Amino acid sequence: MGSVVNWFLGHYVLKFQHRQWFPFKQNQLARAQRWFDRFGKWCLVFAWMPLVGDALTLIAGIMRVQFVWFVVLTAFGKGLRYLIVASFV
């Protein structure tokens, strides 16, 4: 659920990019877009990773990844992680 909230925040945050309080500079957004363009939506499989996962899900919203793809790839990665963790328990 937290990943979905991040996606929605990213999806709507660009409306405020010209406000003084906006947390990201234009060059930071451009760098994130280049990185995401390079690795694509498939990197969302790694959204389970601490710290990196939150950034990935926020960037996916900013980059307008289709919500269906977002949910499928994020759920696959997180599901695989929890399956592996459960197999050790």
Protein backbone atom coordinates (compact mmCIF):
# COMPACT_ATOMS: atom_id res chain seq x y z
CA MET A 1 0.00 0.00 0.00
CA GLY A 2 2.87 2.37 0.74
CA SER A 3 4.22 1.90 -2.77
CA VAL A 4 0.85 2.85 -4.25
CA VAL A 5 0.78 6.01 -2.12
CA ASN A 6 4.26 6.87 -3.39
CA TRP A 7 3.15 6.33 -6.99
CA PHE A 8 0.17 8.67 -6.54
CA LEU A 9 2.37 11.29 -4.85
CA GLY A 10 4.82 11.10 -7.73
CA HIS A 11 2.03 11.19 -10.28
CA TYR A 12 0.63 14.46 -8.94
CA VAL A 13 3.72 16.17 -7.51
CA LEU A 14 4.78 17.75 -10.82
CA LYS A 15 1.79 20.10 -10.65
CA PHE A 16 3.75 21.96 -8.01
CA GLN A 17 7.22 21.98 -9.59
CA HIS A 18 7.23 25.76 -10.08
CA ARG A 19 6.45 26.51 -6.45
CA GLN A 20 9.25 27.73 -4.22
CA TRP A 21 8.76 24.94 -1.66
CA PHE A 22 8.97 22.15 -4.27
CA PRO A 23 11.48 19.60 -2.90
CA PHE A 24 13.23 18.67 -6.19
CA LYS A 25 15.33 20.84 -8.45
CA GLN A 26 14.88 20.63 -12.21
CA ASN A 27 18.29 18.96 -12.68
CA GLN A 28 17.38 16.30 -10.10
CA LEU A 29 14.17 15.51 -11.98
CA ALA A 30 16.08 15.34 -15.28
CA ARG A 31 18.66 12.98 -13.76
CA ALA A 32 15.93 10.75 -12.34
CA GLN A 33 14.19 10.68 -15.72
CA ARG A 34 17.42 9.72 -17.54
CA TRP A 35 18.06 6.97 -14.99
CA PHE A 36 14.51 5.67 -15.27
CA ASP A 37 14.61 5.85 -19.09
CA ARG A 38 17.82 3.81 -19.04
CA PHE A 39 16.53 1.03 -16.79
CA GLY A 40 12.83 1.29 -17.56
CA LYS A 41 9.81 0.15 -15.65
CA TRP A 42 11.39 -3.27 -15.09
CA CYS A 43 13.46 -1.84 -12.25
CA LEU A 44 10.23 -1.76 -10.23
CA VAL A 45 10.85 -5.44 -9.51
CA PHE A 46 13.43 -4.11 -7.03
CA ALA A 47 10.93 -1.89 -5.21
CA TRP A 48 11.24 -4.19 -2.19
CA MET A 49 14.73 -2.89 -1.42
CA PRO A 50 15.05 -0.59 1.60
CA LEU A 51 15.40 3.14 0.77
CA VAL A 52 15.83 2.47 -2.97
CA GLY A 53 12.32 1.04 -3.26
CA ASP A 54 10.62 4.20 -2.01
CA ALA A 55 12.54 6.31 -4.49
CA LEU A 56 11.72 3.91 -7.33
CA THR A 57 8.01 3.99 -6.62
CA LEU A 58 7.96 7.79 -6.38
CA ILE A 59 9.93 8.15 -9.62
CA ALA A 60 7.59 5.67 -11.33
CA GLY A 61 4.71 8.01 -10.52
CA ILE A 62 6.62 11.03 -11.75
CA MET A 63 7.52 9.22 -14.98
CA ARG A 64 3.88 8.24 -15.48
CA VAL A 65 4.38 4.47 -15.50
CA GLN A 66 0.99 2.92 -16.17
CA PHE A 67 -0.62 2.00 -12.87
CA VAL A 68 -1.34 -1.59 -13.95
CA TRP A 69 2.32 -2.18 -14.85
CA PHE A 70 3.38 -0.51 -11.64
CA VAL A 71 1.22 -2.78 -9.49
CA VAL A 72 2.18 -5.96 -11.37
CA LEU A 73 5.95 -5.35 -11.28
CA THR A 74 6.02 -4.09 -7.70
CA ALA A 75 3.82 -6.92 -6.44
CA PHE A 76 5.96 -9.48 -8.28
CA GLY A 77 9.18 -8.20 -6.72
CA LYS A 78 7.76 -7.89 -3.23
CA GLY A 79 5.96 -11.23 -3.49
CA LEU A 80 9.17 -12.96 -4.57
CA ARG A 81 11.04 -11.41 -1.67
CA TYR A 82 8.49 -12.53 0.89
CA LEU A 83 8.37 -16.00 -0.65
CA ILE A 84 12.14 -16.31 -0.23
CA VAL A 85 11.98 -14.97 3.33
CA ALA A 86 9.18 -17.39 4.19
CA SER A 87 11.16 -20.31 2.79
CA PHE A 88 13.94 -19.64 5.33
CA VAL A 89 11.52 -19.55 8.26
